[in-house]
Amino acid sequence: MRPEYLAQKLTPYPLPSKDGGVLRTIGDAHAYIMALPKKRALRAHWQHAGRLILQQASAAALTRQVHLALFMDGKLDTGAFEHMAALGDGSAGRDGGSAERKERGFLRHDQGEATDRHGC
């Protein structure tokens, strides 16, 4: 695997897990997946994430799948994730990433609307 690929940041936000710190790069996600217990690693959502890494899929596509997999396993630290999303985790532009979140369909909870355009 190319080091440049593994160094790419997960986007639009890092993914905090309840059991492995914060996944900030594709390399972090790869290491997390490789360290999963066999029972979890064999679940379809993790298998799909692993295939995306092997295919060197975009950081955004991989982030969505790892986010889903963490959520499905009950391992996404949702409180930390919402906090990072609201702040843009410091890696966003001057508006704290709000323009990008709006463009992608994400809205802040304090706006009284759904978290994303799909109502999730």
PDB file of N, CA and C in Angstrom:
ATOM      1  N   MET A   1       0.850  -1.173   0.000  1.00  0.00           N
ATOM      2  CA  MET A   1       0.000   0.000   0.000  1.00  0.00           C
ATOM      3  C   MET A   1       0.898   1.239   0.000  1.00  0.00           C
ATOM      4  N   ARG A   2       0.576   2.190  -0.849  1.00  0.00           N
ATOM      5  CA  ARG A   2       1.382   3.412  -0.959  1.00  0.00           C
ATOM      6  C   ARG A   2       1.267   4.258   0.313  1.00  0.00           C
ATOM      7  N   PRO A   3       2.394   4.742   0.828  1.00  0.00           N
ATOM      8  CA  PRO A   3       2.363   5.593   2.023  1.00  0.00           C
ATOM      9  C   PRO A   3       1.537   6.862   1.805  1.00  0.00           C
ATOM     10  N   GLU A   4       1.535   7.390   0.588  1.00  0.00           N
ATOM     11  CA  GLU A   4       0.756   8.600   0.295  1.00  0.00           C
ATOM     12  C   GLU A   4      -0.735   8.336   0.476  1.00  0.00           C
ATOM     13  N   TYR A   5      -1.159   7.149   0.083  1.00  0.00           N
ATOM     14  CA  TYR A   5      -2.570   6.793   0.232  1.00  0.00           C
ATOM     15  C   TYR A   5      -2.920   6.664   1.714  1.00  0.00           C
ATOM     16  N   LEU A   6      -2.090   5.943   2.455  1.00  0.00           N
ATOM     17  CA  LEU A   6      -2.360   5.720   3.875  1.00  0.00           C
ATOM     18  C   LEU A   6      -2.320   7.010   4.682  1.00  0.00           C
ATOM     19  N   ALA A   7      -1.599   8.009   4.195  1.00  0.00           N
ATOM     20  CA  ALA A   7      -1.467   9.282   4.915  1.00  0.00           C
ATOM     21  C   ALA A   7      -2.649  10.223   4.683  1.00  0.00           C
ATOM     22  N   GLN A   8      -3.516   9.906   3.728  1.00  0.00           N
ATOM     23  CA  GLN A   8      -4.662  10.785   3.450  1.00  0.00           C
ATOM     24  C   GLN A   8      -5.581  10.864   4.668  1.00  0.00           C
ATOM     25  N   LYS A   9      -6.073  12.066   4.933  1.00  0.00           N
ATOM     26  CA  LYS A   9      -6.979  12.280   6.065  1.00  0.00           C
ATOM     27  C   LYS A   9      -8.374  11.773   5.729  1.00  0.00           C
ATOM     28  N   LEU A  10      -9.014  11.180   6.730  1.00  0.00           N
ATOM     29  CA  LEU A  10     -10.418  10.821   6.584  1.00  0.00           C
ATOM     30  C   LEU A  10     -11.206  12.116   6.478  1.00  0.00           C
ATOM     31  N   THR A  11     -12.261  12.092   5.695  1.00  0.00           N
ATOM     32  CA  THR A  11     -12.973  13.328   5.416  1.00  0.00           C
ATOM     33  C   THR A  11     -14.482  13.101   5.401  1.00  0.00           C
ATOM     34  N   PRO A  12     -15.284  14.001   5.854  1.00  0.00           N
ATOM     35  CA  PRO A  12     -14.947  15.365   6.229  1.00  0.00           C
ATOM     36  C   PRO A  12     -14.435  15.498   7.654  1.00  0.00           C
ATOM     37  N   TYR A  13     -14.518  14.448   8.498  1.00  0.00           N
ATOM     38  CA  TYR A  13     -14.080  14.535   9.881  1.00  0.00           C
ATOM     39  C   TYR A  13     -13.362  13.262  10.279  1.00  0.00           C
ATOM     40  N   PRO A  14     -12.460  13.362  11.274  1.00  0.00           N
ATOM     41  CA  PRO A  14     -11.898  12.146  11.873  1.00  0.00           C
ATOM     42  C   PRO A  14     -13.023  11.368  12.563  1.00  0.00           C
ATOM     43  N   LEU A  15     -12.776  10.088  12.809  1.00  0.00           N
ATOM     44  CA  LEU A  15     -13.794   9.236  13.421  1.00  0.00           C
ATOM     45  C   LEU A  15     -13.328   8.753  14.797  1.00  0.00           C
ATOM     46  N   PRO A  16     -13.940   9.243  15.863  1.00  0.00           N
ATOM     47  CA  PRO A  16     -13.574   8.783  17.203  1.00  0.00           C
ATOM     48  C   PRO A  16     -14.262   7.457  17.518  1.00  0.00           C
ATOM     49  N   SER A  17     -13.474   6.508  17.994  1.00  0.00           N
ATOM     50  CA  SER A  17     -14.060   5.224  18.373  1.00  0.00           C
ATOM     51  C   SER A  17     -14.038   5.099  19.886  1.00  0.00           C
ATOM     52  N   LYS A  18     -14.887   4.233  20.386  1.00  0.00           N
ATOM     53  CA  LYS A  18     -14.944   4.008  21.821  1.00  0.00           C
ATOM     54  C   LYS A  18     -13.804   3.108  22.294  1.00  0.00           C
ATOM     55  N   ASP A  19     -13.116   2.462  21.362  1.00  0.00           N
ATOM     56  CA  ASP A  19     -12.093   1.499  21.776  1.00  0.00           C
ATOM     57  C   ASP A  19     -10.730   1.674  21.118  1.00  0.00           C
ATOM     58  N   GLY A  20     -10.558   2.703  20.307  1.00  0.00           N
ATOM     59  CA  GLY A  20      -9.264   2.815  19.635  1.00  0.00           C
ATOM     60  C   GLY A  20      -8.821   4.229  19.371  1.00  0.00           C
ATOM     61  N   GLY A  21      -9.258   5.180  20.154  1.00  0.00           N
ATOM     62  CA  GLY A  21      -8.853   6.553  19.920  1.00  0.00           C
ATOM     63  C   GLY A  21      -9.587   7.158  18.742  1.00  0.00           C
ATOM     64  N   VAL A  22      -8.911   8.055  18.047  1.00  0.00           N
ATOM     65  CA  VAL A  22      -9.509   8.760  16.922  1.00  0.00           C
ATOM     66  C   VAL A  22      -8.831   8.319  15.633  1.00  0.00           C
ATOM     67  N   LEU A  23      -9.635   7.898  14.669  1.00  0.00           N
ATOM     68  CA  LEU A  23      -9.115   7.510  13.353  1.00  0.00           C
ATOM     69  C   LEU A  23      -9.065   8.767  12.498  1.00  0.00           C
ATOM     70  N   ARG A  24      -7.855   9.219  12.185  1.00  0.00           N
ATOM     71  CA  ARG A  24      -7.679  10.467  11.443  1.00  0.00           C
ATOM     72  C   ARG A  24      -7.252  10.256   9.996  1.00  0.00           C
ATOM     73  N   THR A  25      -6.593   9.146   9.710  1.00  0.00           N
ATOM     74  CA  THR A  25      -6.081   8.902   8.360  1.00  0.00           C
ATOM     75  C   THR A  25      -6.539   7.536   7.860  1.00  0.00           C
ATOM     76  N   ILE A  26      -6.344   7.318   6.576  1.00  0.00           N
ATOM     77  CA  ILE A  26      -6.646   6.001   6.012  1.00  0.00           C
ATOM     78  C   ILE A  26      -5.771   4.949   6.687  1.00  0.00           C
ATOM     79  N   GLY A  27      -4.533   5.307   6.998  1.00  0.00           N
ATOM     80  CA  GLY A  27      -3.637   4.382   7.701  1.00  0.00           C
ATOM     81  C   GLY A  27      -4.171   4.011   9.075  1.00  0.00           C
ATOM     82  N   ASP A  28      -4.739   4.988   9.785  1.00  0.00           N
ATOM     83  CA  ASP A  28      -5.354   4.698  11.088  1.00  0.00           C
ATOM     84  C   ASP A  28      -6.512   3.718  10.920  1.00  0.00           C
ATOM     85  N   ALA A  29      -7.348   3.951   9.907  1.00  0.00           N
ATOM     86  CA  ALA A  29      -8.483   3.059   9.653  1.00  0.00           C
ATOM     87  C   ALA A  29      -7.990   1.663   9.305  1.00  0.00           C
ATOM     88  N   HIS A  30      -6.949   1.584   8.488  1.00  0.00           N
ATOM     89  CA  HIS A  30      -6.371   0.295   8.100  1.00  0.00           C
ATOM     90  C   HIS A  30      -5.865  -0.452   9.334  1.00  0.00           C
ATOM     91  N   ALA A  31      -5.111   0.233  10.180  1.00  0.00           N
ATOM     92  CA  ALA A  31      -4.584  -0.395  11.391  1.00  0.00           C
ATOM     93  C   ALA A  31      -5.718  -0.859  12.305  1.00  0.00           C
ATOM     94  N   TYR A  32      -6.764  -0.057  12.420  1.00  0.00           N
ATOM     95  CA  TYR A  32      -7.913  -0.404  13.256  1.00  0.00           C
ATOM     96  C   TYR A  32      -8.564  -1.683  12.725  1.00  0.00           C
ATOM     97  N   ILE A  33      -8.778  -1.728  11.424  1.00  0.00           N
ATOM     98  CA  ILE A  33      -9.421  -2.902  10.812  1.00  0.00           C
ATOM     99  C   ILE A  33      -8.557  -4.146  11.008  1.00  0.00           C
ATOM    100  N   MET A  34      -7.257  -4.004  10.823  1.00  0.00           N
ATOM    101  CA  MET A  34      -6.354  -5.149  10.958  1.00  0.00           C
ATOM    102  C   MET A  34      -6.309  -5.672  12.397  1.00  0.00           C
ATOM    103  N   ALA A  35      -6.594  -4.819  13.369  1.00  0.00           N
ATOM    104  CA  ALA A  35      -6.552  -5.215  14.781  1.00  0.00           C
ATOM    105  C   ALA A  35      -7.896  -5.724  15.306  1.00  0.00           C
ATOM    106  N   LEU A  36      -8.924  -5.714  14.471  1.00  0.00           N
ATOM    107  CA  LEU A  36     -10.243  -6.162  14.920  1.00  0.00           C
ATOM    108  C   LEU A  36     -10.221  -7.640  15.299  1.00  0.00           C
ATOM    109  N   PRO A  37     -10.974  -8.006  16.324  1.00  0.00           N
ATOM    110  CA  PRO A  37     -11.150  -9.434  16.617  1.00  0.00           C
ATOM    111  C   PRO A  37     -11.814 -10.105  15.400  1.00  0.00           C
ATOM    112  N   LYS A  38     -11.499 -11.363  15.189  1.00  0.00           N
ATOM    113  CA  LYS A  38     -11.966 -12.077  13.997  1.00  0.00           C
ATOM    114  C   LYS A  38     -13.482 -11.975  13.805  1.00  0.00           C
ATOM    115  N   LYS A  39     -14.233 -12.116  14.887  1.00  0.00           N
ATOM    116  CA  LYS A  39     -15.699 -12.083  14.778  1.00  0.00           C
ATOM    117  C   LYS A  39     -16.172 -10.748  14.192  1.00  0.00           C
ATOM    118  N   ARG A  40     -15.598  -9.632  14.665  1.00  0.00           N
ATOM    119  CA  ARG A  40     -15.978  -8.315  14.127  1.00  0.00           C
ATOM    120  C   ARG A  40     -15.450  -8.139  12.709  1.00  0.00           C
ATOM    121  N   ALA A  41     -14.236  -8.583  12.468  1.00  0.00           N
ATOM    122  CA  ALA A  41     -13.615  -8.400  11.154  1.00  0.00           C
ATOM    123  C   ALA A  41     -14.396  -9.112  10.053  1.00  0.00           C
ATOM    124  N   LEU A  42     -15.090 -10.179  10.391  1.00  0.00           N
ATOM    125  CA  LEU A  42     -15.841 -10.940   9.390  1.00  0.00           C
ATOM    126  C   LEU A  42     -17.207 -10.352   9.067  1.00  0.00           C
ATOM    127  N   ARG A  43     -17.627  -9.328   9.799  1.00  0.00           N
ATOM    128  CA  ARG A  43     -18.915  -8.689   9.518  1.00  0.00           C
ATOM    129  C   ARG A  43     -18.844  -7.960   8.186  1.00  0.00           C
ATOM    130  N   ALA A  44     -19.954  -7.962   7.480  1.00  0.00           N
ATOM    131  CA  ALA A  44     -20.003  -7.414   6.116  1.00  0.00           C
ATOM    132  C   ALA A  44     -19.530  -5.964   6.046  1.00  0.00           C
ATOM    133  N   HIS A  45     -19.890  -5.147   7.043  1.00  0.00           N
ATOM    134  CA  HIS A  45     -19.510  -3.738   6.969  1.00  0.00           C
ATOM    135  C   HIS A  45     -18.004  -3.550   7.083  1.00  0.00           C
ATOM    136  N   TRP A  46     -17.316  -4.397   7.858  1.00  0.00           N
ATOM    137  CA  TRP A  46     -15.859  -4.301   7.933  1.00  0.00           C
ATOM    138  C   TRP A  46     -15.197  -4.916   6.709  1.00  0.00           C
ATOM    139  N   GLN A  47     -15.792  -5.979   6.183  1.00  0.00           N
ATOM    140  CA  GLN A  47     -15.256  -6.575   4.952  1.00  0.00           C
ATOM    141  C   GLN A  47     -15.291  -5.552   3.815  1.00  0.00           C
ATOM    142  N   HIS A  48     -16.384  -4.815   3.743  1.00  0.00           N
ATOM    143  CA  HIS A  48     -16.514  -3.791   2.700  1.00  0.00           C
ATOM    144  C   HIS A  48     -15.472  -2.691   2.900  1.00  0.00           C
ATOM    145  N   ALA A  49     -15.261  -2.263   4.126  1.00  0.00           N
ATOM    146  CA  ALA A  49     -14.243  -1.238   4.402  1.00  0.00           C
ATOM    147  C   ALA A  49     -12.860  -1.738   3.984  1.00  0.00           C
ATOM    148  N   GLY A  50     -12.565  -2.987   4.273  1.00  0.00           N
ATOM    149  CA  GLY A  50     -11.285  -3.568   3.869  1.00  0.00           C
ATOM    150  C   GLY A  50     -11.118  -3.596   2.360  1.00  0.00           C
ATOM    151  N   ARG A  51     -12.191  -3.938   1.645  1.00  0.00           N
ATOM    152  CA  ARG A  51     -12.134  -3.935   0.172  1.00  0.00           C
ATOM    153  C   ARG A  51     -11.888  -2.529  -0.362  1.00  0.00           C
ATOM    154  N   LEU A  52     -12.519  -1.536   0.257  1.00  0.00           N
ATOM    155  CA  LEU A  52     -12.307  -0.157  -0.187  1.00  0.00           C
ATOM    156  C   LEU A  52     -10.842   0.245  -0.040  1.00  0.00           C
ATOM    157  N   ILE A  53     -10.208  -0.171   1.047  1.00  0.00           N
ATOM    158  CA  ILE A  53      -8.786   0.133   1.226  1.00  0.00           C
ATOM    159  C   ILE A  53      -7.955  -0.570   0.158  1.00  0.00           C
ATOM    160  N   LEU A  54      -8.235  -1.833  -0.083  1.00  0.00           N
ATOM    161  CA  LEU A  54      -7.486  -2.573  -1.116  1.00  0.00           C
ATOM    162  C   LEU A  54      -7.655  -1.939  -2.489  1.00  0.00           C
ATOM    163  N   GLN A  55      -8.841  -1.391  -2.758  1.00  0.00           N
ATOM    164  CA  GLN A  55      -9.106  -0.724  -4.037  1.00  0.00           C
ATOM    165  C   GLN A  55      -8.596   0.708  -4.051  1.00  0.00           C
ATOM    166  N   GLN A  56      -8.049   1.154  -2.932  1.00  0.00           N
ATOM    167  CA  GLN A  56      -7.583   2.522  -2.751  1.00  0.00           C
ATOM    168  C   GLN A  56      -8.684   3.523  -3.125  1.00  0.00           C
ATOM    169  N   ALA A  57      -9.846   3.286  -2.534  1.00  0.00           N
ATOM    170  CA  ALA A  57     -11.005   4.162  -2.741  1.00  0.00           C
ATOM    171  C   ALA A  57     -10.714   5.537  -2.146  1.00  0.00           C
ATOM    172  N   SER A  58     -11.535   6.496  -2.497  1.00  0.00           N
ATOM    173  CA  SER A  58     -11.355   7.856  -1.986  1.00  0.00           C
ATOM    174  C   SER A  58     -11.482   7.879  -0.463  1.00  0.00           C
ATOM    175  N   ALA A  59     -10.841   8.870   0.133  1.00  0.00           N
ATOM    176  CA  ALA A  59     -10.913   9.030   1.584  1.00  0.00           C
ATOM    177  C   ALA A  59     -12.353   9.235   2.034  1.00  0.00           C
ATOM    178  N   ALA A  60     -13.141   9.955   1.249  1.00  0.00           N
ATOM    179  CA  ALA A  60     -14.538  10.211   1.612  1.00  0.00           C
ATOM    180  C   ALA A  60     -15.342   8.913   1.615  1.00  0.00           C
ATOM    181  N   ALA A  61     -15.157   8.072   0.608  1.00  0.00           N
ATOM    182  CA  ALA A  61     -15.889   6.803   0.535  1.00  0.00           C
ATOM    183  C   ALA A  61     -15.505   5.890   1.694  1.00  0.00           C
ATOM    184  N   LEU A  62     -14.217   5.824   1.989  1.00  0.00           N
ATOM    185  CA  LEU A  62     -13.761   4.985   3.090  1.00  0.00           C
ATOM    186  C   LEU A  62     -14.272   5.527   4.420  1.00  0.00           C
ATOM    187  N   THR A  63     -14.237   6.835   4.595  1.00  0.00           N
ATOM    188  CA  THR A  63     -14.723   7.440   5.843  1.00  0.00           C
ATOM    189  C   THR A  63     -16.183   7.081   6.069  1.00  0.00           C
ATOM    190  N   ARG A  64     -17.003   7.187   5.026  1.00  0.00           N
ATOM    191  CA  ARG A  64     -18.428   6.852   5.163  1.00  0.00           C
ATOM    192  C   ARG A  64     -18.597   5.399   5.609  1.00  0.00           C
ATOM    193  N   GLN A  65     -17.821   4.482   5.012  1.00  0.00           N
ATOM    194  CA  GLN A  65     -17.973   3.072   5.335  1.00  0.00           C
ATOM    195  C   GLN A  65     -17.473   2.758   6.743  1.00  0.00           C
ATOM    196  N   VAL A  66     -16.345   3.338   7.138  1.00  0.00           N
ATOM    197  CA  VAL A  66     -15.823   3.098   8.484  1.00  0.00           C
ATOM    198  C   VAL A  66     -16.762   3.718   9.521  1.00  0.00           C
ATOM    199  N   HIS A  67     -17.303   4.887   9.217  1.00  0.00           N
ATOM    200  CA  HIS A  67     -18.294   5.521  10.103  1.00  0.00           C
ATOM    201  C   HIS A  67     -19.468   4.562  10.308  1.00  0.00           C
ATOM    202  N   LEU A  68     -19.991   4.030   9.214  1.00  0.00           N
ATOM    203  CA  LEU A  68     -21.107   3.084   9.293  1.00  0.00           C
ATOM    204  C   LEU A  68     -20.722   1.854  10.100  1.00  0.00           C
ATOM    205  N   ALA A  69     -19.544   1.300   9.830  1.00  0.00           N
ATOM    206  CA  ALA A  69     -19.109   0.082  10.523  1.00  0.00           C
ATOM    207  C   ALA A  69     -18.958   0.326  12.020  1.00  0.00           C
ATOM    208  N   LEU A  70     -18.348   1.444  12.392  1.00  0.00           N
ATOM    209  CA  LEU A  70     -18.227   1.776  13.820  1.00  0.00           C
ATOM    210  C   LEU A  70     -19.611   1.916  14.450  1.00  0.00           C
ATOM    211  N   PHE A  71     -20.502   2.592  13.749  1.00  0.00           N
ATOM    212  CA  PHE A  71     -21.867   2.774  14.250  1.00  0.00           C
ATOM    213  C   PHE A  71     -22.568   1.425  14.416  1.00  0.00           C
ATOM    214  N   MET A  72     -22.463   0.565  13.411  1.00  0.00           N
ATOM    215  CA  MET A  72     -23.131  -0.741  13.449  1.00  0.00           C
ATOM    216  C   MET A  72     -22.632  -1.598  14.616  1.00  0.00           C
ATOM    217  N   ASP A  73     -21.353  -1.445  14.962  1.00  0.00           N
ATOM    218  CA  ASP A  73     -20.777  -2.212  16.064  1.00  0.00           C
ATOM    219  C   ASP A  73     -20.948  -1.524  17.419  1.00  0.00           C
ATOM    220  N   GLY A  74     -21.574  -0.350  17.423  1.00  0.00           N
ATOM    221  CA  GLY A  74     -21.726   0.384  18.673  1.00  0.00           C
ATOM    222  C   GLY A  74     -20.411   0.947  19.191  1.00  0.00           C
ATOM    223  N   LYS A  75     -19.460   1.174  18.292  1.00  0.00           N
ATOM    224  CA  LYS A  75     -18.131   1.635  18.692  1.00  0.00           C
ATOM    225  C   LYS A  75     -17.838   3.068  18.268  1.00  0.00           C
ATOM    226  N   LEU A  76     -18.788   3.743  17.623  1.00  0.00           N
ATOM    227  CA  LEU A  76     -18.591   5.142  17.264  1.00  0.00           C
ATOM    228  C   LEU A  76     -18.857   5.988  18.500  1.00  0.00           C
ATOM    229  N   ASP A  77     -17.896   6.807  18.857  1.00  0.00           N
ATOM    230  CA  ASP A  77     -18.073   7.722  19.989  1.00  0.00           C
ATOM    231  C   ASP A  77     -18.884   8.907  19.469  1.00  0.00           C
ATOM    232  N   THR A  78     -20.196   8.780  19.525  1.00  0.00           N
ATOM    233  CA  THR A  78     -21.073   9.772  18.894  1.00  0.00           C
ATOM    234  C   THR A  78     -20.955  11.149  19.522  1.00  0.00           C
ATOM    235  N   GLY A  79     -20.764  11.225  20.827  1.00  0.00           N
ATOM    236  CA  GLY A  79     -20.603  12.527  21.470  1.00  0.00           C
ATOM    237  C   GLY A  79     -19.383  13.254  20.941  1.00  0.00           C
ATOM    238  N   ALA A  80     -18.256  12.562  20.858  1.00  0.00           N
ATOM    239  CA  ALA A  80     -17.030  13.170  20.336  1.00  0.00           C
ATOM    240  C   ALA A  80     -17.178  13.481  18.851  1.00  0.00           C
ATOM    241  N   PHE A  81     -17.842  12.593  18.111  1.00  0.00           N
ATOM    242  CA  PHE A  81     -18.024  12.819  16.678  1.00  0.00           C
ATOM    243  C   PHE A  81     -18.850  14.078  16.435  1.00  0.00           C
ATOM    244  N   GLU A  82     -19.946  14.235  17.155  1.00  0.00           N
ATOM    245  CA  GLU A  82     -20.793  15.421  16.975  1.00  0.00           C
ATOM    246  C   GLU A  82     -20.043  16.692  17.340  1.00  0.00           C
ATOM    247  N   HIS A  83     -19.225  16.611  18.382  1.00  0.00           N
ATOM    248  CA  HIS A  83     -18.429  17.770  18.779  1.00  0.00           C
ATOM    249  C   HIS A  83     -17.430  18.132  17.683  1.00  0.00           C
ATOM    250  N   MET A  84     -16.728  17.129  17.141  1.00  0.00           N
ATOM    251  CA  MET A  84     -15.763  17.382  16.063  1.00  0.00           C
ATOM    252  C   MET A  84     -16.456  17.941  14.833  1.00  0.00           C
ATOM    253  N   ALA A  85     -17.607  17.375  14.502  1.00  0.00           N
ATOM    254  CA  ALA A  85     -18.343  17.832  13.325  1.00  0.00           C
ATOM    255  C   ALA A  85     -18.781  19.285  13.490  1.00  0.00           C
ATOM    256  N   ALA A  86     -19.241  19.631  14.674  1.00  0.00           N
ATOM    257  CA  ALA A  86     -19.709  20.996  14.917  1.00  0.00           C
ATOM    258  C   ALA A  86     -18.558  21.992  14.845  1.00  0.00           C
ATOM    259  N   LEU A  87     -17.381  21.564  15.286  1.00  0.00           N
ATOM    260  CA  LEU A  87     -16.222  22.452  15.270  1.00  0.00           C
ATOM    261  C   LEU A  87     -15.454  22.396  13.962  1.00  0.00           C
ATOM    262  N   GLY A  88     -15.751  21.415  13.139  1.00  0.00           N
ATOM    263  CA  GLY A  88     -14.988  21.223  11.916  1.00  0.00           C
ATOM    264  C   GLY A  88     -13.619  20.641  12.210  1.00  0.00           C
ATOM    265  N   ASP A  89     -13.354  20.247  13.456  1.00  0.00           N
ATOM    266  CA  ASP A  89     -12.114  19.643  13.919  1.00  0.00           C
ATOM    267  C   ASP A  89     -10.880  20.462  13.587  1.00  0.00           C
ATOM    268  N   GLY A  90     -11.042  21.750  13.359  1.00  0.00           N
ATOM    269  CA  GLY A  90      -9.895  22.601  13.109  1.00  0.00           C
ATOM    270  C   GLY A  90      -9.279  22.422  11.747  1.00  0.00           C
ATOM    271  N   SER A  91      -9.725  21.433  10.978  1.00  0.00           N
ATOM    272  CA  SER A  91      -9.125  21.189   9.670  1.00  0.00           C
ATOM    273  C   SER A  91      -9.932  21.833   8.553  1.00  0.00           C
ATOM    274  N   ALA A  92     -11.037  22.470   8.899  1.00  0.00           N
ATOM    275  CA  ALA A  92     -11.891  23.093   7.897  1.00  0.00           C
ATOM    276  C   ALA A  92     -11.487  24.545   7.689  1.00  0.00           C
ATOM    277  N   GLY A  93     -12.167  25.187   6.799  1.00  0.00           N
ATOM    278  CA  GLY A  93     -11.873  26.581   6.472  1.00  0.00           C
ATOM    279  C   GLY A  93     -12.310  27.534   7.560  1.00  0.00           C
ATOM    280  N   ARG A  94     -12.320  28.835   7.246  1.00  0.00           N
ATOM    281  CA  ARG A  94     -12.627  29.873   8.224  1.00  0.00           C
ATOM    282  C   ARG A  94     -14.030  29.755   8.796  1.00  0.00           C
ATOM    283  N   ASP A  95     -14.934  29.149   8.053  1.00  0.00           N
ATOM    284  CA  ASP A  95     -16.311  29.037   8.543  1.00  0.00           C
ATOM    285  C   ASP A  95     -16.507  27.793   9.409  1.00  0.00           C
ATOM    286  N   GLY A  96     -15.399  27.135   9.787  1.00  0.00           N
ATOM    287  CA  GLY A  96     -15.504  25.939  10.622  1.00  0.00           C
ATOM    288  C   GLY A  96     -16.057  24.754   9.874  1.00  0.00           C
ATOM    289  N   GLY A  97     -16.041  24.824   8.546  1.00  0.00           N
ATOM    290  CA  GLY A  97     -16.526  23.714   7.736  1.00  0.00           C
ATOM    291  C   GLY A  97     -18.010  23.751   7.469  1.00  0.00           C
ATOM    292  N   SER A  98     -18.717  24.806   7.917  1.00  0.00           N
ATOM    293  CA  SER A  98     -20.169  24.811   7.776  1.00  0.00           C
ATOM    294  C   SER A  98     -20.607  24.850   6.321  1.00  0.00           C
ATOM    295  N   ALA A  99     -19.870  25.552   5.476  1.00  0.00           N
ATOM    296  CA  ALA A  99     -20.239  25.589   4.061  1.00  0.00           C
ATOM    297  C   ALA A  99     -20.102  24.208   3.446  1.00  0.00           C
ATOM    298  N   GLU A 100     -19.011  23.518   3.793  1.00  0.00           N
ATOM    299  CA  GLU A 100     -18.819  22.165   3.268  1.00  0.00           C
ATOM    300  C   GLU A 100     -19.888  21.227   3.796  1.00  0.00           C
ATOM    301  N   ARG A 101     -20.212  21.335   5.111  1.00  0.00           N
ATOM    302  CA  ARG A 101     -21.251  20.470   5.667  1.00  0.00           C
ATOM    303  C   ARG A 101     -22.584  20.744   5.007  1.00  0.00           C
ATOM    304  N   LYS A 102     -22.890  22.026   4.755  1.00  0.00           N
ATOM    305  CA  LYS A 102     -24.159  22.363   4.113  1.00  0.00           C
ATOM    306  C   LYS A 102     -24.193  21.805   2.702  1.00  0.00           C
ATOM    307  N   GLU A 103     -23.067  21.929   1.991  1.00  0.00           N
ATOM    308  CA  GLU A 103     -22.995  21.409   0.625  1.00  0.00           C
ATOM    309  C   GLU A 103     -23.193  19.904   0.601  1.00  0.00           C
ATOM    310  N   ARG A 104     -22.651  19.207   1.594  1.00  0.00           N
ATOM    311  CA  ARG A 104     -22.776  17.755   1.661  1.00  0.00           C
ATOM    312  C   ARG A 104     -24.103  17.320   2.263  1.00  0.00           C
ATOM    313  N   GLY A 105     -24.891  18.283   2.760  1.00  0.00           N
ATOM    314  CA  GLY A 105     -26.193  17.946   3.318  1.00  0.00           C
ATOM    315  C   GLY A 105     -26.176  17.779   4.822  1.00  0.00           C
ATOM    316  N   PHE A 106     -25.048  18.084   5.498  1.00  0.00           N
ATOM    317  CA  PHE A 106     -24.979  17.968   6.942  1.00  0.00           C
ATOM    318  C   PHE A 106     -25.368  19.288   7.569  1.00  0.00           C
ATOM    319  N   LEU A 107     -26.136  19.219   8.613  1.00  0.00           N
ATOM    320  CA  LEU A 107     -26.580  20.405   9.334  1.00  0.00           C
ATOM    321  C   LEU A 107     -26.267  20.226  10.808  1.00  0.00           C
ATOM    322  N   ARG A 108     -26.108  21.332  11.510  1.00  0.00           N
ATOM    323  CA  ARG A 108     -25.826  21.263  12.943  1.00  0.00           C
ATOM    324  C   ARG A 108     -27.099  20.931  13.702  1.00  0.00           C
ATOM    325  N   HIS A 109     -26.936  20.211  14.829  1.00  0.00           N
ATOM    326  CA  HIS A 109     -28.086  19.834  15.656  1.00  0.00           C
ATOM    327  C   HIS A 109     -28.806  21.051  16.215  1.00  0.00           C
ATOM    328  N   ASP A 110     -28.072  22.116  16.520  1.00  0.00           N
ATOM    329  CA  ASP A 110     -28.719  23.273  17.134  1.00  0.00           C
ATOM    330  C   ASP A 110     -29.542  24.083  16.139  1.00  0.00           C
ATOM    331  N   GLN A 111     -29.563  23.651  14.873  1.00  0.00           N
ATOM    332  CA  GLN A 111     -30.404  24.309  13.885  1.00  0.00           C
ATOM    333  C   GLN A 111     -31.798  23.687  13.865  1.00  0.00           C
ATOM    334  N   GLY A 112     -31.985  22.660  14.696  1.00  0.00           N
ATOM    335  CA  GLY A 112     -33.295  22.041  14.817  1.00  0.00           C
ATOM    336  C   GLY A 112     -33.695  21.232  13.591  1.00  0.00           C
ATOM    337  N   GLU A 113     -32.696  20.784  12.835  1.00  0.00           N
ATOM    338  CA  GLU A 113     -32.988  19.996  11.645  1.00  0.00           C
ATOM    339  C   GLU A 113     -32.272  18.662  11.740  1.00  0.00           C
ATOM    340  N   ALA A 114     -32.514  17.790  10.785  1.00  0.00           N
ATOM    341  CA  ALA A 114     -31.892  16.478  10.758  1.00  0.00           C
ATOM    342  C   ALA A 114     -30.379  16.610  10.642  1.00  0.00           C
ATOM    343  N   THR A 115     -29.669  15.598  11.112  1.00  0.00           N
ATOM    344  CA  THR A 115     -28.208  15.591  11.058  1.00  0.00           C
ATOM    345  C   THR A 115     -27.719  15.571   9.627  1.00  0.00           C
ATOM    346  N   ASP A 116     -28.356  14.827   8.765  1.00  0.00           N
ATOM    347  CA  ASP A 116     -27.955  14.828   7.367  1.00  0.00           C
ATOM    348  C   ASP A 116     -29.185  14.802   6.477  1.00  0.00           C
ATOM    349  N   ARG A 117     -28.959  14.915   5.183  1.00  0.00           N
ATOM    350  CA  ARG A 117     -30.079  15.031   4.262  1.00  0.00           C
ATOM    351  C   ARG A 117     -30.942  13.777   4.217  1.00  0.00           C
ATOM    352  N   HIS A 118     -30.454  12.684   4.800  1.00  0.00           N
ATOM    353  CA  HIS A 118     -31.210  11.449   4.817  1.00  0.00           C
ATOM    354  C   HIS A 118     -31.972  11.263   6.118  1.00  0.00           C
ATOM    355  N   GLY A 119     -31.852  12.246   7.025  1.00  0.00           N
ATOM    356  CA  GLY A 119     -32.564  12.175   8.289  1.00  0.00           C
ATOM    357  C   GLY A 119     -31.882  11.302   9.323  1.00  0.00           C
ATOM    358  N   CYS A 120     -30.623  10.964   9.091  1.00  0.00           N
ATOM    359  CA  CYS A 120     -29.882  10.116  10.043  1.00  0.00           C
ATOM    360  C   CYS A 120     -29.250  10.951  11.126  1.00  0.00           C
TER     361      CYS A 120
END
